[in-house]
Amino acid sequence: MQRTWNGMAGWLLLRLAVVLHRTVAGPAARERVQLRRNTALRGAYRRGVTVPELAAQLGLSEGWVRQVLNGKRPPEVEEAA
């Protein structure tokens, strides 16, 4: 049962990351939303969502997603997958 709940939580966090990624506006708001998105992205990964799936859903490269997961600051210009 634990796996099922973790899997569902991971997918919900991924969907949250996608929504936050697509609703970014303004420099200050953009920074705050990206921090929240990255937190949701890390949470989804910890709950079993794979890097390729995260990258595909967000429309970003796998390398960019790995940088976020490792706690590194991604490049200024986000690359599209």
PDB file of N, CA and C in Angstrom:
ATOM      1  N   MET A   1       0.824  -1.200   0.000  1.00  0.00           N
ATOM      2  CA  MET A   1       0.000   0.000   0.000  1.00  0.00           C
ATOM      3  C   MET A   1       0.859   1.251   0.000  1.00  0.00           C
ATOM      4  N   GLN A   2       1.982   1.208   0.716  1.00  0.00           N
ATOM      5  CA  GLN A   2       2.863   2.375   0.798  1.00  0.00           C
ATOM      6  C   GLN A   2       3.341   2.804  -0.596  1.00  0.00           C
ATOM      7  N   ARG A   3       3.680   1.833  -1.428  1.00  0.00           N
ATOM      8  CA  ARG A   3       4.139   2.163  -2.784  1.00  0.00           C
ATOM      9  C   ARG A   3       3.063   2.887  -3.582  1.00  0.00           C
ATOM     10  N   THR A   4       1.840   2.448  -3.440  1.00  0.00           N
ATOM     11  CA  THR A   4       0.738   3.059  -4.170  1.00  0.00           C
ATOM     12  C   THR A   4       0.573   4.525  -3.777  1.00  0.00           C
ATOM     13  N   TRP A   5       0.613   4.803  -2.471  1.00  0.00           N
ATOM     14  CA  TRP A   5       0.459   6.188  -2.022  1.00  0.00           C
ATOM     15  C   TRP A   5       1.646   7.034  -2.449  1.00  0.00           C
ATOM     16  N   ASN A   6       2.865   6.486  -2.377  1.00  0.00           N
ATOM     17  CA  ASN A   6       4.044   7.222  -2.811  1.00  0.00           C
ATOM     18  C   ASN A   6       3.972   7.521  -4.299  1.00  0.00           C
ATOM     19  N   GLY A   7       3.544   6.552  -5.076  1.00  0.00           N
ATOM     20  CA  GLY A   7       3.408   6.755  -6.519  1.00  0.00           C
ATOM     21  C   GLY A   7       2.389   7.840  -6.844  1.00  0.00           C
ATOM     22  N   MET A   8       1.260   7.789  -6.160  1.00  0.00           N
ATOM     23  CA  MET A   8       0.218   8.785  -6.393  1.00  0.00           C
ATOM     24  C   MET A   8       0.698  10.171  -5.959  1.00  0.00           C
ATOM     25  N   ALA A   9       1.373  10.240  -4.820  1.00  0.00           N
ATOM     26  CA  ALA A   9       1.897  11.527  -4.347  1.00  0.00           C
ATOM     27  C   ALA A   9       2.919  12.069  -5.327  1.00  0.00           C
ATOM     28  N   GLY A  10       3.752  11.189  -5.881  1.00  0.00           N
ATOM     29  CA  GLY A  10       4.745  11.612  -6.861  1.00  0.00           C
ATOM     30  C   GLY A  10       4.101  12.216  -8.096  1.00  0.00           C
ATOM     31  N   TRP A  11       3.062  11.561  -8.592  1.00  0.00           N
ATOM     32  CA  TRP A  11       2.373  12.078  -9.779  1.00  0.00           C
ATOM     33  C   TRP A  11       1.668  13.398  -9.492  1.00  0.00           C
ATOM     34  N   LEU A  12       1.081  13.517  -8.318  1.00  0.00           N
ATOM     35  CA  LEU A  12       0.424  14.779  -7.958  1.00  0.00           C
ATOM     36  C   LEU A  12       1.449  15.916  -7.866  1.00  0.00           C
ATOM     37  N   LEU A  13       2.619  15.630  -7.285  1.00  0.00           N
ATOM     38  CA  LEU A  13       3.660  16.650  -7.212  1.00  0.00           C
ATOM     39  C   LEU A  13       4.175  17.012  -8.595  1.00  0.00           C
ATOM     40  N   LEU A  14       4.252  16.031  -9.487  1.00  0.00           N
ATOM     41  CA  LEU A  14       4.662  16.322 -10.858  1.00  0.00           C
ATOM     42  C   LEU A  14       3.650  17.249 -11.523  1.00  0.00           C
ATOM     43  N   ARG A  15       2.374  16.980 -11.361  1.00  0.00           N
ATOM     44  CA  ARG A  15       1.348  17.841 -11.966  1.00  0.00           C
ATOM     45  C   ARG A  15       1.432  19.253 -11.394  1.00  0.00           C
ATOM     46  N   LEU A  16       1.693  19.365 -10.084  1.00  0.00           N
ATOM     47  CA  LEU A  16       1.864  20.675  -9.469  1.00  0.00           C
ATOM     48  C   LEU A  16       3.064  21.395 -10.079  1.00  0.00           C
ATOM     49  N   ALA A  17       4.159  20.676 -10.276  1.00  0.00           N
ATOM     50  CA  ALA A  17       5.353  21.271 -10.883  1.00  0.00           C
ATOM     51  C   ALA A  17       5.049  21.782 -12.296  1.00  0.00           C
ATOM     52  N   VAL A  18       4.264  21.025 -13.057  1.00  0.00           N
ATOM     53  CA  VAL A  18       3.904  21.440 -14.418  1.00  0.00           C
ATOM     54  C   VAL A  18       3.049  22.701 -14.386  1.00  0.00           C
ATOM     55  N   VAL A  19       2.067  22.749 -13.501  1.00  0.00           N
ATOM     56  CA  VAL A  19       1.200  23.934 -13.394  1.00  0.00           C
ATOM     57  C   VAL A  19       2.028  25.159 -13.007  1.00  0.00           C
ATOM     58  N   LEU A  20       2.885  25.004 -12.013  1.00  0.00           N
ATOM     59  CA  LEU A  20       3.721  26.133 -11.593  1.00  0.00           C
ATOM     60  C   LEU A  20       4.674  26.564 -12.707  1.00  0.00           C
ATOM     61  N   HIS A  21       5.188  25.600 -13.444  1.00  0.00           N
ATOM     62  CA  HIS A  21       6.110  25.911 -14.536  1.00  0.00           C
ATOM     63  C   HIS A  21       5.428  26.746 -15.617  1.00  0.00           C
ATOM     64  N   ARG A  22       4.170  26.470 -15.851  1.00  0.00           N
ATOM     65  CA  ARG A  22       3.452  27.144 -16.938  1.00  0.00           C
ATOM     66  C   ARG A  22       2.797  28.454 -16.520  1.00  0.00           C
ATOM     67  N   THR A  23       2.821  28.809 -15.249  1.00  0.00           N
ATOM     68  CA  THR A  23       2.150  30.028 -14.791  1.00  0.00           C
ATOM     69  C   THR A  23       3.126  31.054 -14.236  1.00  0.00           C
ATOM     70  N   VAL A  24       4.289  31.111 -14.802  1.00  0.00           N
ATOM     71  CA  VAL A  24       5.331  32.027 -14.327  1.00  0.00           C
ATOM     72  C   VAL A  24       5.145  33.392 -14.986  1.00  0.00           C
ATOM     73  N   ALA A  25       5.212  34.466 -14.171  1.00  0.00           N
ATOM     74  CA  ALA A  25       5.084  35.826 -14.705  1.00  0.00           C
ATOM     75  C   ALA A  25       5.824  36.804 -13.807  1.00  0.00           C
ATOM     76  N   GLY A  26       6.553  37.741 -14.406  1.00  0.00           N
ATOM     77  CA  GLY A  26       7.279  38.766 -13.653  1.00  0.00           C
ATOM     78  C   GLY A  26       8.528  38.215 -12.977  1.00  0.00           C
ATOM     79  N   PRO A  27       9.586  39.004 -12.884  1.00  0.00           N
ATOM     80  CA  PRO A  27      10.863  38.520 -12.343  1.00  0.00           C
ATOM     81  C   PRO A  27      10.792  38.007 -10.901  1.00  0.00           C
ATOM     82  N   ALA A  28      10.194  38.763  -9.991  1.00  0.00           N
ATOM     83  CA  ALA A  28      10.133  38.333  -8.593  1.00  0.00           C
ATOM     84  C   ALA A  28       9.198  37.138  -8.441  1.00  0.00           C
ATOM     85  N   ALA A  29       8.040  37.212  -9.077  1.00  0.00           N
ATOM     86  CA  ALA A  29       7.090  36.109  -9.019  1.00  0.00           C
ATOM     87  C   ALA A  29       7.673  34.874  -9.704  1.00  0.00           C
ATOM     88  N   ARG A  30       8.369  35.106 -10.771  1.00  0.00           N
ATOM     89  CA  ARG A  30       8.983  33.993 -11.503  1.00  0.00           C
ATOM     90  C   ARG A  30       9.965  33.233 -10.616  1.00  0.00           C
ATOM     91  N   GLU A  31      10.788  33.946  -9.883  1.00  0.00           N
ATOM     92  CA  GLU A  31      11.770  33.315  -8.996  1.00  0.00           C
ATOM     93  C   GLU A  31      11.066  32.493  -7.908  1.00  0.00           C
ATOM     94  N   ARG A  32      10.032  33.066  -7.295  1.00  0.00           N
ATOM     95  CA  ARG A  32       9.302  32.352  -6.239  1.00  0.00           C
ATOM     96  C   ARG A  32       8.625  31.096  -6.775  1.00  0.00           C
ATOM     97  N   VAL A  33       7.985  31.228  -7.925  1.00  0.00           N
ATOM     98  CA  VAL A  33       7.268  30.098  -8.506  1.00  0.00           C
ATOM     99  C   VAL A  33       8.254  29.012  -8.938  1.00  0.00           C
ATOM    100  N   GLN A  34       9.400  29.405  -9.489  1.00  0.00           N
ATOM    101  CA  GLN A  34      10.388  28.412  -9.898  1.00  0.00           C
ATOM    102  C   GLN A  34      10.941  27.655  -8.697  1.00  0.00           C
ATOM    103  N   LEU A  35      11.126  28.342  -7.574  1.00  0.00           N
ATOM    104  CA  LEU A  35      11.580  27.653  -6.364  1.00  0.00           C
ATOM    105  C   LEU A  35      10.548  26.629  -5.913  1.00  0.00           C
ATOM    106  N   ARG A  36       9.277  27.003  -5.952  1.00  0.00           N
ATOM    107  CA  ARG A  36       8.209  26.066  -5.582  1.00  0.00           C
ATOM    108  C   ARG A  36       8.136  24.904  -6.568  1.00  0.00           C
ATOM    109  N   ARG A  37       8.264  25.226  -7.857  1.00  0.00           N
ATOM    110  CA  ARG A  37       8.240  24.189  -8.886  1.00  0.00           C
ATOM    111  C   ARG A  37       9.378  23.202  -8.675  1.00  0.00           C
ATOM    112  N   ASN A  38      10.569  23.716  -8.403  1.00  0.00           N
ATOM    113  CA  ASN A  38      11.722  22.847  -8.207  1.00  0.00           C
ATOM    114  C   ASN A  38      11.549  21.970  -6.973  1.00  0.00           C
ATOM    115  N   THR A  39      10.930  22.506  -5.925  1.00  0.00           N
ATOM    116  CA  THR A  39      10.654  21.717  -4.730  1.00  0.00           C
ATOM    117  C   THR A  39       9.676  20.591  -5.061  1.00  0.00           C
ATOM    118  N   ALA A  40       8.635  20.902  -5.824  1.00  0.00           N
ATOM    119  CA  ALA A  40       7.665  19.884  -6.238  1.00  0.00           C
ATOM    120  C   ALA A  40       8.324  18.848  -7.142  1.00  0.00           C
ATOM    121  N   LEU A  41       9.218  19.300  -7.997  1.00  0.00           N
ATOM    122  CA  LEU A  41       9.945  18.409  -8.900  1.00  0.00           C
ATOM    123  C   LEU A  41      10.795  17.416  -8.109  1.00  0.00           C
ATOM    124  N   ARG A  42      11.506  17.907  -7.105  1.00  0.00           N
ATOM    125  CA  ARG A  42      12.324  17.030  -6.256  1.00  0.00           C
ATOM    126  C   ARG A  42      11.448  16.040  -5.484  1.00  0.00           C
ATOM    127  N   GLY A  43      10.309  16.510  -5.003  1.00  0.00           N
ATOM    128  CA  GLY A  43       9.391  15.634  -4.282  1.00  0.00           C
ATOM    129  C   GLY A  43       8.850  14.524  -5.175  1.00  0.00           C
ATOM    130  N   ALA A  44       8.494  14.859  -6.403  1.00  0.00           N
ATOM    131  CA  ALA A  44       8.004  13.850  -7.346  1.00  0.00           C
ATOM    132  C   ALA A  44       9.096  12.821  -7.633  1.00  0.00           C
ATOM    133  N   TYR A  45      10.319  13.278  -7.792  1.00  0.00           N
ATOM    134  CA  TYR A  45      11.439  12.375  -8.058  1.00  0.00           C
ATOM    135  C   TYR A  45      11.670  11.434  -6.871  1.00  0.00           C
ATOM    136  N   ARG A  46      11.622  11.971  -5.659  1.00  0.00           N
ATOM    137  CA  ARG A  46      11.811  11.145  -4.467  1.00  0.00           C
ATOM    138  C   ARG A  46      10.715  10.093  -4.325  1.00  0.00           C
ATOM    139  N   ARG A  47       9.572  10.338  -4.921  1.00  0.00           N
ATOM    140  CA  ARG A  47       8.457   9.398  -4.815  1.00  0.00           C
ATOM    141  C   ARG A  47       8.347   8.488  -6.028  1.00  0.00           C
ATOM    142  N   GLY A  48       9.398   8.447  -6.836  1.00  0.00           N
ATOM    143  CA  GLY A  48       9.466   7.430  -7.878  1.00  0.00           C
ATOM    144  C   GLY A  48       9.214   7.863  -9.310  1.00  0.00           C
ATOM    145  N   VAL A  49       8.950   9.120  -9.582  1.00  0.00           N
ATOM    146  CA  VAL A  49       8.761   9.565 -10.957  1.00  0.00           C
ATOM    147  C   VAL A  49      10.150   9.693 -11.591  1.00  0.00           C
ATOM    148  N   THR A  50      10.328   9.128 -12.772  1.00  0.00           N
ATOM    149  CA  THR A  50      11.643   9.089 -13.405  1.00  0.00           C
ATOM    150  C   THR A  50      12.026  10.440 -14.018  1.00  0.00           C
ATOM    151  N   VAL A  51      13.330  10.620 -14.208  1.00  0.00           N
ATOM    152  CA  VAL A  51      13.845  11.855 -14.810  1.00  0.00           C
ATOM    153  C   VAL A  51      13.286  12.055 -16.220  1.00  0.00           C
ATOM    154  N   PRO A  52      13.280  11.021 -17.090  1.00  0.00           N
ATOM    155  CA  PRO A  52      12.709  11.239 -18.430  1.00  0.00           C
ATOM    156  C   PRO A  52      11.244  11.687 -18.393  1.00  0.00           C
ATOM    157  N   GLU A  53      10.477  11.128 -17.455  1.00  0.00           N
ATOM    158  CA  GLU A  53       9.064  11.523 -17.347  1.00  0.00           C
ATOM    159  C   GLU A  53       8.933  12.957 -16.848  1.00  0.00           C
ATOM    160  N   LEU A  54       9.747  13.332 -15.870  1.00  0.00           N
ATOM    161  CA  LEU A  54       9.732  14.706 -15.378  1.00  0.00           C
ATOM    162  C   LEU A  54      10.067  15.674 -16.504  1.00  0.00           C
ATOM    163  N   ALA A  55      11.119  15.352 -17.258  1.00  0.00           N
ATOM    164  CA  ALA A  55      11.561  16.220 -18.348  1.00  0.00           C
ATOM    165  C   ALA A  55      10.487  16.335 -19.428  1.00  0.00           C
ATOM    166  N   ALA A  56       9.871  15.205 -19.770  1.00  0.00           N
ATOM    167  CA  ALA A  56       8.843  15.220 -20.819  1.00  0.00           C
ATOM    168  C   ALA A  56       7.636  16.048 -20.404  1.00  0.00           C
ATOM    169  N   GLN A  57       7.188  15.895 -19.174  1.00  0.00           N
ATOM    170  CA  GLN A  57       6.005  16.622 -18.707  1.00  0.00           C
ATOM    171  C   GLN A  57       6.255  18.121 -18.616  1.00  0.00           C
ATOM    172  N   LEU A  58       7.483  18.505 -18.240  1.00  0.00           N
ATOM    173  CA  LEU A  58       7.804  19.926 -18.095  1.00  0.00           C
ATOM    174  C   LEU A  58       8.275  20.557 -19.399  1.00  0.00           C
ATOM    175  N   GLY A  59       8.615  19.736 -20.376  1.00  0.00           N
ATOM    176  CA  GLY A  59       9.120  20.270 -21.636  1.00  0.00           C
ATOM    177  C   GLY A  59      10.545  20.779 -21.519  1.00  0.00           C
ATOM    178  N   LEU A  60      11.315  20.190 -20.614  1.00  0.00           N
ATOM    179  CA  LEU A  60      12.705  20.584 -20.397  1.00  0.00           C
ATOM    180  C   LEU A  60      13.606  19.396 -20.687  1.00  0.00           C
ATOM    181  N   SER A  61      14.899  19.653 -20.816  1.00  0.00           N
ATOM    182  CA  SER A  61      15.828  18.556 -21.078  1.00  0.00           C
ATOM    183  C   SER A  61      16.086  17.760 -19.802  1.00  0.00           C
ATOM    184  N   GLU A  62      16.505  16.504 -19.983  1.00  0.00           N
ATOM    185  CA  GLU A  62      16.818  15.657 -18.834  1.00  0.00           C
ATOM    186  C   GLU A  62      18.004  16.226 -18.066  1.00  0.00           C
ATOM    187  N   GLY A  63      18.967  16.826 -18.773  1.00  0.00           N
ATOM    188  CA  GLY A  63      20.124  17.429 -18.118  1.00  0.00           C
ATOM    189  C   GLY A  63      19.709  18.564 -17.195  1.00  0.00           C
ATOM    190  N   TRP A  64      18.768  19.373 -17.638  1.00  0.00           N
ATOM    191  CA  TRP A  64      18.287  20.485 -16.818  1.00  0.00           C
ATOM    192  C   TRP A  64      17.609  19.954 -15.566  1.00  0.00           C
ATOM    193  N   VAL A  65      16.776  18.924 -15.740  1.00  0.00           N
ATOM    194  CA  VAL A  65      16.061  18.341 -14.601  1.00  0.00           C
ATOM    195  C   VAL A  65      17.060  17.751 -13.610  1.00  0.00           C
ATOM    196  N   ARG A  66      18.090  17.086 -14.112  1.00  0.00           N
ATOM    197  CA  ARG A  66      19.106  16.520 -13.223  1.00  0.00           C
ATOM    198  C   ARG A  66      19.830  17.617 -12.443  1.00  0.00           C
ATOM    199  N   GLN A  67      20.088  18.755 -13.076  1.00  0.00           N
ATOM    200  CA  GLN A  67      20.722  19.873 -12.372  1.00  0.00           C
ATOM    201  C   GLN A  67      19.851  20.331 -11.211  1.00  0.00           C
ATOM    202  N   VAL A  68      18.572  20.456 -11.441  1.00  0.00           N
ATOM    203  CA  VAL A  68      17.643  20.874 -10.378  1.00  0.00           C
ATOM    204  C   VAL A  68      17.615  19.835  -9.268  1.00  0.00           C
ATOM    205  N   LEU A  69      17.561  18.564  -9.639  1.00  0.00           N
ATOM    206  CA  LEU A  69      17.506  17.498  -8.640  1.00  0.00           C
ATOM    207  C   LEU A  69      18.778  17.443  -7.801  1.00  0.00           C
ATOM    208  N   ASN A  70      19.901  17.820  -8.377  1.00  0.00           N
ATOM    209  CA  ASN A  70      21.172  17.818  -7.652  1.00  0.00           C
ATOM    210  C   ASN A  70      21.383  19.096  -6.850  1.00  0.00           C
ATOM    211  N   GLY A  71      20.441  20.019  -6.915  1.00  0.00           N
ATOM    212  CA  GLY A  71      20.537  21.246  -6.130  1.00  0.00           C
ATOM    213  C   GLY A  71      21.366  22.331  -6.777  1.00  0.00           C
ATOM    214  N   LYS A  72      21.747  22.144  -8.028  1.00  0.00           N
ATOM    215  CA  LYS A  72      22.512  23.175  -8.728  1.00  0.00           C
ATOM    216  C   LYS A  72      21.552  24.156  -9.366  1.00  0.00           C
ATOM    217  N   ARG A  73      22.012  25.366  -9.516  1.00  0.00           N
ATOM    218  CA  ARG A  73      21.191  26.388 -10.159  1.00  0.00           C
ATOM    219  C   ARG A  73      21.223  26.166 -11.667  1.00  0.00           C
ATOM    220  N   PRO A  74      20.055  26.029 -12.295  1.00  0.00           N
ATOM    221  CA  PRO A  74      20.022  25.824 -13.741  1.00  0.00           C
ATOM    222  C   PRO A  74      20.475  27.082 -14.480  1.00  0.00           C
ATOM    223  N   PRO A  75      20.825  26.939 -15.757  1.00  0.00           N
ATOM    224  CA  PRO A  75      21.252  28.108 -16.526  1.00  0.00           C
ATOM    225  C   PRO A  75      20.154  29.171 -16.586  1.00  0.00           C
ATOM    226  N   GLU A  76      20.550  30.411 -16.880  1.00  0.00           N
ATOM    227  CA  GLU A  76      19.599  31.524 -16.954  1.00  0.00           C
ATOM    228  C   GLU A  76      18.498  31.247 -17.964  1.00  0.00           C
ATOM    229  N   VAL A  77      18.878  30.765 -19.143  1.00  0.00           N
ATOM    230  CA  VAL A  77      17.903  30.476 -20.185  1.00  0.00           C
ATOM    231  C   VAL A  77      17.540  29.016 -20.079  1.00  0.00           C
ATOM    232  N   GLU A  78      16.255  28.745 -19.850  1.00  0.00           N
ATOM    233  CA  GLU A  78      15.816  27.357 -19.738  1.00  0.00           C
ATOM    234  C   GLU A  78      15.708  26.778 -21.138  1.00  0.00           C
ATOM    235  N   GLU A  79      16.262  25.604 -21.312  1.00  0.00           N
ATOM    236  CA  GLU A  79      16.232  24.987 -22.616  1.00  0.00           C
ATOM    237  C   GLU A  79      14.989  24.130 -22.771  1.00  0.00           C
ATOM    238  N   ALA A  80      14.473  24.067 -23.974  1.00  0.00           N
ATOM    239  CA  ALA A  80      13.304  23.258 -24.255  1.00  0.00           C
ATOM    240  C   ALA A  80      13.746  21.887 -24.716  1.00  0.00           C
ATOM    241  N   ALA A  81      12.954  20.893 -24.392  1.00  0.00           N
ATOM    242  CA  ALA A  81      13.313  19.516 -24.788  1.00  0.00           C
ATOM    243  C   ALA A  81      12.920  19.265 -26.223  1.00  0.00           C
TER     244      ALA A  81
END
